[in-house]
């Protein structure tokens, strides 16, 4: 089993040094507390994933919710979700719970 497959079996939490804000338009702004000069803005499905991680949802449950909500093939949602989770995990924005 590859590590990317494992990502969908995990539960994540927002890293302790990350603060985030969800704007009225649904976009999320992520920033490290020790480096306020660098921030990331995410929107769309990525913002939905982030909000569910912040609630403590398991990655597989997030995937199921996205598949039900969006009319896109589940394999595409799975691929994109894995990619996003791996990216923010690699940047230490999230950690395994």
PDB file of N, CA and C in Angstrom:
ATOM      1  N   UNK A   1       0.852  -1.179   0.000  1.00  0.00           N
ATOM      2  CA  UNK A   1       0.000   0.000   0.000  1.00  0.00           C
ATOM      3  C   UNK A   1       0.893   1.236   0.000  1.00  0.00           C
ATOM      4  N   UNK A   2       0.643   2.154  -0.884  1.00  0.00           N
ATOM      5  CA  UNK A   2       1.480   3.353  -0.973  1.00  0.00           C
ATOM      6  C   UNK A   2       1.110   4.345   0.110  1.00  0.00           C
ATOM      7  N   UNK A   3       2.034   5.258   0.380  1.00  0.00           N
ATOM      8  CA  UNK A   3       1.777   6.251   1.419  1.00  0.00           C
ATOM      9  C   UNK A   3       0.608   7.151   1.054  1.00  0.00           C
ATOM     10  N   UNK A   4       0.399   7.400  -0.243  1.00  0.00           N
ATOM     11  CA  UNK A   4      -0.716   8.254  -0.638  1.00  0.00           C
ATOM     12  C   UNK A   4      -2.053   7.589  -0.336  1.00  0.00           C
ATOM     13  N   UNK A   5      -2.106   6.261  -0.431  1.00  0.00           N
ATOM     14  CA  UNK A   5      -3.324   5.556  -0.074  1.00  0.00           C
ATOM     15  C   UNK A   5      -3.542   5.648   1.430  1.00  0.00           C
ATOM     16  N   UNK A   6      -2.473   5.534   2.199  1.00  0.00           N
ATOM     17  CA  UNK A   6      -2.571   5.603   3.650  1.00  0.00           C
ATOM     18  C   UNK A   6      -3.146   6.931   4.121  1.00  0.00           C
ATOM     19  N   UNK A   7      -2.878   8.000   3.416  1.00  0.00           N
ATOM     20  CA  UNK A   7      -3.350   9.328   3.803  1.00  0.00           C
ATOM     21  C   UNK A   7      -4.866   9.326   3.989  1.00  0.00           C
ATOM     22  N   UNK A   8      -5.579   8.605   3.160  1.00  0.00           N
ATOM     23  CA  UNK A   8      -7.036   8.595   3.245  1.00  0.00           C
ATOM     24  C   UNK A   8      -7.561   7.750   4.402  1.00  0.00           C
ATOM     25  N   UNK A   9      -6.682   7.001   5.048  1.00  0.00           N
ATOM     26  CA  UNK A   9      -7.087   6.205   6.207  1.00  0.00           C
ATOM     27  C   UNK A   9      -6.778   6.897   7.523  1.00  0.00           C
ATOM     28  N   UNK A  10      -6.203   8.074   7.460  1.00  0.00           N
ATOM     29  CA  UNK A  10      -5.768   8.782   8.657  1.00  0.00           C
ATOM     30  C   UNK A  10      -6.749   9.879   9.066  1.00  0.00           C
ATOM     31  N   UNK A  11      -6.579  10.300  10.298  1.00  0.00           N
ATOM     32  CA  UNK A  11      -7.264  11.481  10.811  1.00  0.00           C
ATOM     33  C   UNK A  11      -6.185  12.509  11.088  1.00  0.00           C
ATOM     34  N   UNK A  12      -6.434  13.736  10.683  1.00  0.00           N
ATOM     35  CA  UNK A  12      -5.446  14.792  10.839  1.00  0.00           C
ATOM     36  C   UNK A  12      -5.977  15.879  11.760  1.00  0.00           C
ATOM     37  N   UNK A  13      -5.054  16.689  12.224  1.00  0.00           N
ATOM     38  CA  UNK A  13      -5.412  17.870  13.001  1.00  0.00           C
ATOM     39  C   UNK A  13      -4.587  19.031  12.476  1.00  0.00           C
ATOM     40  N   UNK A  14      -5.077  20.215  12.690  1.00  0.00           N
ATOM     41  CA  UNK A  14      -4.339  21.410  12.302  1.00  0.00           C
ATOM     42  C   UNK A  14      -3.104  21.489  13.196  1.00  0.00           C
ATOM     43  N   UNK A  15      -1.945  21.730  12.598  1.00  0.00           N
ATOM     44  CA  UNK A  15      -0.708  21.832  13.369  1.00  0.00           C
ATOM     45  C   UNK A  15      -0.828  22.958  14.395  1.00  0.00           C
ATOM     46  N   UNK A  16      -0.157  22.784  15.521  1.00  0.00           N
ATOM     47  CA  UNK A  16      -0.298  23.717  16.641  1.00  0.00           C
ATOM     48  C   UNK A  16       0.140  25.138  16.311  1.00  0.00           C
ATOM     49  N   UNK A  17       1.085  25.296  15.378  1.00  0.00           N
ATOM     50  CA  UNK A  17       1.588  26.642  15.068  1.00  0.00           C
ATOM     51  C   UNK A  17       0.881  27.294  13.884  1.00  0.00           C
ATOM     52  N   UNK A  18      -0.245  26.719  13.472  1.00  0.00           N
ATOM     53  CA  UNK A  18      -0.999  27.237  12.328  1.00  0.00           C
ATOM     54  C   UNK A  18      -2.286  27.889  12.815  1.00  0.00           C
ATOM     55  N   UNK A  19      -2.543  29.074  12.307  1.00  0.00           N
ATOM     56  CA  UNK A  19      -3.835  29.703  12.551  1.00  0.00           C
ATOM     57  C   UNK A  19      -4.533  29.837  11.204  1.00  0.00           C
ATOM     58  N   UNK A  20      -5.833  29.761  11.236  1.00  0.00           N
ATOM     59  CA  UNK A  20      -6.587  29.874   9.984  1.00  0.00           C
ATOM     60  C   UNK A  20      -7.839  30.694  10.217  1.00  0.00           C
ATOM     61  N   UNK A  21      -8.298  31.267   9.138  1.00  0.00           N
ATOM     62  CA  UNK A  21      -9.528  32.052   9.178  1.00  0.00           C
ATOM     63  C   UNK A  21     -10.322  31.718   7.924  1.00  0.00           C
ATOM     64  N   UNK A  22     -11.608  31.499   8.104  1.00  0.00           N
ATOM     65  CA  UNK A  22     -12.492  31.276   6.966  1.00  0.00           C
ATOM     66  C   UNK A  22     -13.236  32.569   6.689  1.00  0.00           C
ATOM     67  N   UNK A  23     -13.115  33.042   5.472  1.00  0.00           N
ATOM     68  CA  UNK A  23     -13.778  34.279   5.066  1.00  0.00           C
ATOM     69  C   UNK A  23     -15.226  34.007   4.682  1.00  0.00           C
ATOM     70  N   UNK A  24     -16.007  35.063   4.556  1.00  0.00           N
ATOM     71  CA  UNK A  24     -17.421  34.921   4.206  1.00  0.00           C
ATOM     72  C   UNK A  24     -17.622  34.246   2.856  1.00  0.00           C
ATOM     73  N   UNK A  25     -16.662  34.402   1.949  1.00  0.00           N
ATOM     74  CA  UNK A  25     -16.792  33.788   0.626  1.00  0.00           C
ATOM     75  C   UNK A  25     -16.355  32.327   0.605  1.00  0.00           C
ATOM     76  N   UNK A  26     -15.983  31.771   1.771  1.00  0.00           N
ATOM     77  CA  UNK A  26     -15.601  30.370   1.861  1.00  0.00           C
ATOM     78  C   UNK A  26     -14.113  30.109   1.729  1.00  0.00           C
ATOM     79  N   UNK A  27     -13.343  31.109   1.346  1.00  0.00           N
ATOM     80  CA  UNK A  27     -11.896  30.912   1.261  1.00  0.00           C
ATOM     81  C   UNK A  27     -11.308  30.834   2.670  1.00  0.00           C
ATOM     82  N   UNK A  28     -10.202  30.138   2.785  1.00  0.00           N
ATOM     83  CA  UNK A  28      -9.496  30.022   4.058  1.00  0.00           C
ATOM     84  C   UNK A  28      -8.101  30.598   3.899  1.00  0.00           C
ATOM     85  N   UNK A  29      -7.669  31.316   4.908  1.00  0.00           N
ATOM     86  CA  UNK A  29      -6.315  31.860   4.945  1.00  0.00           C
ATOM     87  C   UNK A  29      -5.578  31.124   6.058  1.00  0.00           C
ATOM     88  N   UNK A  30      -4.422  30.543   5.711  1.00  0.00           N
ATOM     89  CA  UNK A  30      -3.611  29.780   6.651  1.00  0.00           C
ATOM     90  C   UNK A  30      -2.301  30.510   6.870  1.00  0.00           C
ATOM     91  N   UNK A  31      -1.850  30.546   8.128  1.00  0.00           N
ATOM     92  CA  UNK A  31      -0.619  31.269   8.430  1.00  0.00           C
ATOM     93  C   UNK A  31       0.073  30.628   9.630  1.00  0.00           C
ATOM     94  N   UNK A  32       1.401  30.608   9.583  1.00  0.00           N
ATOM     95  CA  UNK A  32       2.189  30.162  10.733  1.00  0.00           C
ATOM     96  C   UNK A  32       2.266  31.299  11.742  1.00  0.00           C
ATOM     97  N   UNK A  33       2.092  30.975  13.000  1.00  0.00           N
ATOM     98  CA  UNK A  33       2.147  32.004  14.038  1.00  0.00           C
ATOM     99  C   UNK A  33       3.522  32.652  14.120  1.00  0.00           C
ATOM    100  N   UNK A  34       4.581  31.900  13.834  1.00  0.00           N
ATOM    101  CA  UNK A  34       5.932  32.447  13.948  1.00  0.00           C
ATOM    102  C   UNK A  34       6.429  33.121  12.672  1.00  0.00           C
ATOM    103  N   UNK A  35       5.599  33.139  11.624  1.00  0.00           N
ATOM    104  CA  UNK A  35       6.009  33.772  10.367  1.00  0.00           C
ATOM    105  C   UNK A  35       4.784  34.347   9.670  1.00  0.00           C
ATOM    106  N   UNK A  36       4.332  35.481  10.146  1.00  0.00           N
ATOM    107  CA  UNK A  36       3.112  36.074   9.602  1.00  0.00           C
ATOM    108  C   UNK A  36       3.311  36.684   8.222  1.00  0.00           C
ATOM    109  N   UNK A  37       4.554  36.704   7.741  1.00  0.00           N
ATOM    110  CA  UNK A  37       4.799  37.264   6.413  1.00  0.00           C
ATOM    111  C   UNK A  37       4.437  36.280   5.304  1.00  0.00           C
ATOM    112  N   UNK A  38       4.274  35.008   5.654  1.00  0.00           N
ATOM    113  CA  UNK A  38       3.929  33.988   4.671  1.00  0.00           C
ATOM    114  C   UNK A  38       2.563  33.421   5.030  1.00  0.00           C
ATOM    115  N   UNK A  39       1.649  33.492   4.080  1.00  0.00           N
ATOM    116  CA  UNK A  39       0.342  32.900   4.314  1.00  0.00           C
ATOM    117  C   UNK A  39      -0.143  32.246   3.035  1.00  0.00           C
ATOM    118  N   UNK A  40      -1.094  31.348   3.169  1.00  0.00           N
ATOM    119  CA  UNK A  40      -1.662  30.636   2.038  1.00  0.00           C
ATOM    120  C   UNK A  40      -3.159  30.861   2.025  1.00  0.00           C
ATOM    121  N   UNK A  41      -3.677  31.040   0.849  1.00  0.00           N
ATOM    122  CA  UNK A  41      -5.117  31.209   0.670  1.00  0.00           C
ATOM    123  C   UNK A  41      -5.610  30.014  -0.128  1.00  0.00           C
ATOM    124  N   UNK A  42      -6.604  29.326   0.396  1.00  0.00           N
ATOM    125  CA  UNK A  42      -7.185  28.188  -0.304  1.00  0.00           C
ATOM    126  C   UNK A  42      -8.677  28.428  -0.462  1.00  0.00           C
ATOM    127  N   UNK A  43      -9.218  27.865  -1.525  1.00  0.00           N
ATOM    128  CA  UNK A  43     -10.647  28.028  -1.764  1.00  0.00           C
ATOM    129  C   UNK A  43     -11.219  26.750  -2.353  1.00  0.00           C
ATOM    130  N   UNK A  44     -12.492  26.789  -2.651  1.00  0.00           N
ATOM    131  CA  UNK A  44     -13.156  25.653  -3.274  1.00  0.00           C
ATOM    132  C   UNK A  44     -13.101  24.407  -2.405  1.00  0.00           C
ATOM    133  N   UNK A  45     -12.868  23.277  -3.058  1.00  0.00           N
ATOM    134  CA  UNK A  45     -12.857  21.994  -2.365  1.00  0.00           C
ATOM    135  C   UNK A  45     -11.723  21.930  -1.344  1.00  0.00           C
ATOM    136  N   UNK A  46     -10.590  22.544  -1.645  1.00  0.00           N
ATOM    137  CA  UNK A  46      -9.478  22.556  -0.683  1.00  0.00           C
ATOM    138  C   UNK A  46      -9.911  23.216   0.621  1.00  0.00           C
ATOM    139  N   UNK A  47     -10.657  24.298   0.529  1.00  0.00           N
ATOM    140  CA  UNK A  47     -11.156  24.975   1.732  1.00  0.00           C
ATOM    141  C   UNK A  47     -12.153  24.080   2.473  1.00  0.00           C
ATOM    142  N   UNK A  48     -12.967  23.350   1.732  1.00  0.00           N
ATOM    143  CA  UNK A  48     -13.908  22.418   2.365  1.00  0.00           C
ATOM    144  C   UNK A  48     -13.146  21.345   3.135  1.00  0.00           C
ATOM    145  N   UNK A  49     -12.099  20.805   2.518  1.00  0.00           N
ATOM    146  CA  UNK A  49     -11.287  19.779   3.174  1.00  0.00           C
ATOM    147  C   UNK A  49     -10.666  20.349   4.443  1.00  0.00           C
ATOM    148  N   UNK A  50     -10.098  21.543   4.338  1.00  0.00           N
ATOM    149  CA  UNK A  50      -9.462  22.176   5.499  1.00  0.00           C
ATOM    150  C   UNK A  50     -10.453  22.334   6.653  1.00  0.00           C
ATOM    151  N   UNK A  51     -11.643  22.798   6.351  1.00  0.00           N
ATOM    152  CA  UNK A  51     -12.653  23.015   7.391  1.00  0.00           C
ATOM    153  C   UNK A  51     -13.027  21.707   8.079  1.00  0.00           C
ATOM    154  N   UNK A  52     -13.091  20.625   7.320  1.00  0.00           N
ATOM    155  CA  UNK A  52     -13.427  19.323   7.906  1.00  0.00           C
ATOM    156  C   UNK A  52     -12.270  18.780   8.741  1.00  0.00           C
ATOM    157  N   UNK A  53     -11.032  19.012   8.307  1.00  0.00           N
ATOM    158  CA  UNK A  53      -9.870  18.616   9.113  1.00  0.00           C
ATOM    159  C   UNK A  53      -9.924  19.343  10.452  1.00  0.00           C
ATOM    160  N   UNK A  54     -10.228  20.628  10.407  1.00  0.00           N
ATOM    161  CA  UNK A  54     -10.299  21.433  11.632  1.00  0.00           C
ATOM    162  C   UNK A  54     -11.372  20.906  12.588  1.00  0.00           C
ATOM    163  N   UNK A  55     -12.394  20.247  12.047  1.00  0.00           N
ATOM    164  CA  UNK A  55     -13.461  19.662  12.868  1.00  0.00           C
ATOM    165  C   UNK A  55     -13.091  18.277  13.391  1.00  0.00           C
ATOM    166  N   UNK A  56     -11.951  17.730  12.924  1.00  0.00           N
ATOM    167  CA  UNK A  56     -11.519  16.411  13.376  1.00  0.00           C
ATOM    168  C   UNK A  56     -12.041  15.253  12.549  1.00  0.00           C
ATOM    169  N   UNK A  57     -12.544  15.537  11.362  1.00  0.00           N
ATOM    170  CA  UNK A  57     -13.068  14.481  10.496  1.00  0.00           C
ATOM    171  C   UNK A  57     -11.946  13.595   9.965  1.00  0.00           C
ATOM    172  N   UNK A  58     -12.187  12.311   9.886  1.00  0.00           N
ATOM    173  CA  UNK A  58     -11.251  11.362   9.284  1.00  0.00           C
ATOM    174  C   UNK A  58     -11.213  11.621   7.775  1.00  0.00           C
ATOM    175  N   UNK A  59     -10.054  11.450   7.178  1.00  0.00           N
ATOM    176  CA  UNK A  59      -9.889  11.741   5.751  1.00  0.00           C
ATOM    177  C   UNK A  59     -10.871  10.950   4.888  1.00  0.00           C
ATOM    178  N   UNK A  60     -11.098   9.689   5.207  1.00  0.00           N
ATOM    179  CA  UNK A  60     -12.026   8.882   4.410  1.00  0.00           C
ATOM    180  C   UNK A  60     -13.456   9.420   4.503  1.00  0.00           C
ATOM    181  N   UNK A  61     -13.819   9.971   5.654  1.00  0.00           N
ATOM    182  CA  UNK A  61     -15.153  10.560   5.811  1.00  0.00           C
ATOM    183  C   UNK A  61     -15.271  11.847   5.001  1.00  0.00           C
ATOM    184  N   UNK A  62     -14.195  12.618   4.971  1.00  0.00           N
ATOM    185  CA  UNK A  62     -14.184  13.840   4.161  1.00  0.00           C
ATOM    186  C   UNK A  62     -14.366  13.472   2.698  1.00  0.00           C
ATOM    187  N   UNK A  63     -13.654  12.458   2.263  1.00  0.00           N
ATOM    188  CA  UNK A  63     -13.756  11.999   0.877  1.00  0.00           C
ATOM    189  C   UNK A  63     -15.191  11.595   0.546  1.00  0.00           C
ATOM    190  N   UNK A  64     -15.825  10.843   1.426  1.00  0.00           N
ATOM    191  CA  UNK A  64     -17.212  10.422   1.198  1.00  0.00           C
ATOM    192  C   UNK A  64     -18.153  11.628   1.114  1.00  0.00           C
ATOM    193  N   UNK A  65     -17.952  12.614   1.982  1.00  0.00           N
ATOM    194  CA  UNK A  65     -18.786  13.823   1.953  1.00  0.00           C
ATOM    195  C   UNK A  65     -18.620  14.567   0.631  1.00  0.00           C
ATOM    196  N   UNK A  66     -17.380  14.686   0.182  1.00  0.00           N
ATOM    197  CA  UNK A  66     -17.122  15.397  -1.075  1.00  0.00           C
ATOM    198  C   UNK A  66     -17.756  14.668  -2.254  1.00  0.00           C
ATOM    199  N   UNK A  67     -17.664  13.339  -2.241  1.00  0.00           N
ATOM    200  CA  UNK A  67     -18.239  12.545  -3.329  1.00  0.00           C
ATOM    201  C   UNK A  67     -19.755  12.703  -3.383  1.00  0.00           C
ATOM    202  N   UNK A  68     -20.390  12.816  -2.223  1.00  0.00           N
ATOM    203  CA  UNK A  68     -21.838  13.000  -2.183  1.00  0.00           C
ATOM    204  C   UNK A  68     -22.238  14.408  -2.610  1.00  0.00           C
ATOM    205  N   UNK A  69     -21.423  15.382  -2.273  1.00  0.00           N
ATOM    206  CA  UNK A  69     -21.764  16.783  -2.522  1.00  0.00           C
ATOM    207  C   UNK A  69     -21.501  17.224  -3.955  1.00  0.00           C
ATOM    208  N   UNK A  70     -20.432  16.712  -4.547  1.00  0.00           N
ATOM    209  CA  UNK A  70     -20.015  17.180  -5.870  1.00  0.00           C
ATOM    210  C   UNK A  70     -20.256  16.099  -6.922  1.00  0.00           C
ATOM    211  N   UNK A  71     -20.691  16.515  -8.078  1.00  0.00           N
ATOM    212  CA  UNK A  71     -20.976  15.560  -9.153  1.00  0.00           C
ATOM    213  C   UNK A  71     -19.720  15.327  -9.998  1.00  0.00           C
ATOM    214  N   UNK A  72     -18.739  14.721  -9.339  1.00  0.00           N
ATOM    215  CA  UNK A  72     -17.471  14.383  -9.980  1.00  0.00           C
ATOM    216  C   UNK A  72     -17.180  12.930  -9.631  1.00  0.00           C
ATOM    217  N   UNK A  73     -16.519  12.220 -10.538  1.00  0.00           N
ATOM    218  CA  UNK A  73     -16.187  10.826 -10.268  1.00  0.00           C
ATOM    219  C   UNK A  73     -15.394  10.716  -8.971  1.00  0.00           C
ATOM    220  N   UNK A  74     -15.735   9.711  -8.172  1.00  0.00           N
ATOM    221  CA  UNK A  74     -15.077   9.549  -6.876  1.00  0.00           C
ATOM    222  C   UNK A  74     -13.572   9.369  -7.036  1.00  0.00           C
ATOM    223  N   UNK A  75     -13.137   8.710  -8.102  1.00  0.00           N
ATOM    224  CA  UNK A  75     -11.695   8.502  -8.300  1.00  0.00           C
ATOM    225  C   UNK A  75     -10.956   9.828  -8.473  1.00  0.00           C
ATOM    226  N   UNK A  76     -11.599  10.791  -9.105  1.00  0.00           N
ATOM    227  CA  UNK A  76     -10.981  12.111  -9.288  1.00  0.00           C
ATOM    228  C   UNK A  76     -10.930  12.844  -7.949  1.00  0.00           C
ATOM    229  N   UNK A  77     -12.025  12.784  -7.200  1.00  0.00           N
ATOM    230  CA  UNK A  77     -12.055  13.415  -5.879  1.00  0.00           C
ATOM    231  C   UNK A  77     -10.998  12.777  -4.977  1.00  0.00           C
ATOM    232  N   UNK A  78     -10.883  11.457  -5.043  1.00  0.00           N
ATOM    233  CA  UNK A  78      -9.891  10.746  -4.230  1.00  0.00           C
ATOM    234  C   UNK A  78      -8.474  11.195  -4.582  1.00  0.00           C
ATOM    235  N   UNK A  79      -8.180  11.266  -5.864  1.00  0.00           N
ATOM    236  CA  UNK A  79      -6.847  11.676  -6.321  1.00  0.00           C
ATOM    237  C   UNK A  79      -6.533  13.103  -5.865  1.00  0.00           C
ATOM    238  N   UNK A  80      -7.477  14.008  -6.055  1.00  0.00           N
ATOM    239  CA  UNK A  80      -7.259  15.410  -5.673  1.00  0.00           C
ATOM    240  C   UNK A  80      -7.157  15.579  -4.154  1.00  0.00           C
ATOM    241  N   UNK A  81      -7.962  14.832  -3.413  1.00  0.00           N
ATOM    242  CA  UNK A  81      -7.920  14.902  -1.952  1.00  0.00           C
ATOM    243  C   UNK A  81      -6.579  14.401  -1.433  1.00  0.00           C
ATOM    244  N   UNK A  82      -6.110  13.273  -1.975  1.00  0.00           N
ATOM    245  CA  UNK A  82      -4.798  12.743  -1.586  1.00  0.00           C
ATOM    246  C   UNK A  82      -3.706  13.773  -1.843  1.00  0.00           C
ATOM    247  N   UNK A  83      -3.742  14.355  -3.029  1.00  0.00           N
ATOM    248  CA  UNK A  83      -2.714  15.330  -3.406  1.00  0.00           C
ATOM    249  C   UNK A  83      -2.708  16.516  -2.442  1.00  0.00           C
ATOM    250  N   UNK A  84      -3.879  17.041  -2.129  1.00  0.00           N
ATOM    251  CA  UNK A  84      -3.968  18.183  -1.222  1.00  0.00           C
ATOM    252  C   UNK A  84      -3.497  17.810   0.182  1.00  0.00           C
ATOM    253  N   UNK A  85      -3.952  16.665   0.700  1.00  0.00           N
ATOM    254  CA  UNK A  85      -3.538  16.239   2.038  1.00  0.00           C
ATOM    255  C   UNK A  85      -2.029  16.042   2.114  1.00  0.00           C
ATOM    256  N   UNK A  86      -1.461  15.415   1.091  1.00  0.00           N
ATOM    257  CA  UNK A  86      -0.013  15.201   1.076  1.00  0.00           C
ATOM    258  C   UNK A  86       0.733  16.532   1.025  1.00  0.00           C
ATOM    259  N   UNK A  87       0.198  17.485   0.270  1.00  0.00           N
ATOM    260  CA  UNK A  87       0.843  18.794   0.156  1.00  0.00           C
ATOM    261  C   UNK A  87       0.846  19.533   1.494  1.00  0.00           C
ATOM    262  N   UNK A  88      -0.307  19.604   2.147  1.00  0.00           N
ATOM    263  CA  UNK A  88      -0.346  20.355   3.407  1.00  0.00           C
ATOM    264  C   UNK A  88       0.328  19.585   4.548  1.00  0.00           C
ATOM    265  N   UNK A  89       0.362  18.262   4.453  1.00  0.00           N
ATOM    266  CA  UNK A  89       1.116  17.471   5.424  1.00  0.00           C
ATOM    267  C   UNK A  89       2.612  17.732   5.238  1.00  0.00           C
ATOM    268  N   UNK A  90       3.055  17.777   3.988  1.00  0.00           N
ATOM    269  CA  UNK A  90       4.457  18.048   3.680  1.00  0.00           C
ATOM    270  C   UNK A  90       4.904  19.435   4.103  1.00  0.00           C
ATOM    271  N   UNK A  91       3.982  20.384   4.119  1.00  0.00           N
ATOM    272  CA  UNK A  91       4.290  21.755   4.549  1.00  0.00           C
ATOM    273  C   UNK A  91       4.089  21.933   6.059  1.00  0.00           C
ATOM    274  N   UNK A  92       3.752  20.828   6.731  1.00  0.00           N
ATOM    275  CA  UNK A  92       3.526  20.827   8.186  1.00  0.00           C
ATOM    276  C   UNK A  92       2.378  21.738   8.622  1.00  0.00           C
ATOM    277  N   UNK A  93       1.368  21.857   7.771  1.00  0.00           N
ATOM    278  CA  UNK A  93       0.166  22.596   8.151  1.00  0.00           C
ATOM    279  C   UNK A  93      -0.783  21.703   8.946  1.00  0.00           C
ATOM    280  N   UNK A  94      -0.660  20.395   8.740  1.00  0.00           N
ATOM    281  CA  UNK A  94      -1.454  19.428   9.488  1.00  0.00           C
ATOM    282  C   UNK A  94      -0.514  18.358  10.036  1.00  0.00           C
ATOM    283  N   UNK A  95      -1.020  17.613  11.001  1.00  0.00           N
ATOM    284  CA  UNK A  95      -0.288  16.489  11.573  1.00  0.00           C
ATOM    285  C   UNK A  95      -1.286  15.363  11.801  1.00  0.00           C
ATOM    286  N   UNK A  96      -0.785  14.145  11.845  1.00  0.00           N
ATOM    287  CA  UNK A  96      -1.677  13.031  12.149  1.00  0.00           C
ATOM    288  C   UNK A  96      -2.194  13.193  13.569  1.00  0.00           C
ATOM    289  N   UNK A  97      -3.486  12.949  13.719  1.00  0.00           N
ATOM    290  CA  UNK A  97      -4.116  13.104  15.043  1.00  0.00           C
ATOM    291  C   UNK A  97      -3.838  11.890  15.907  1.00  0.00           C
TER     292      UNK A  97
END
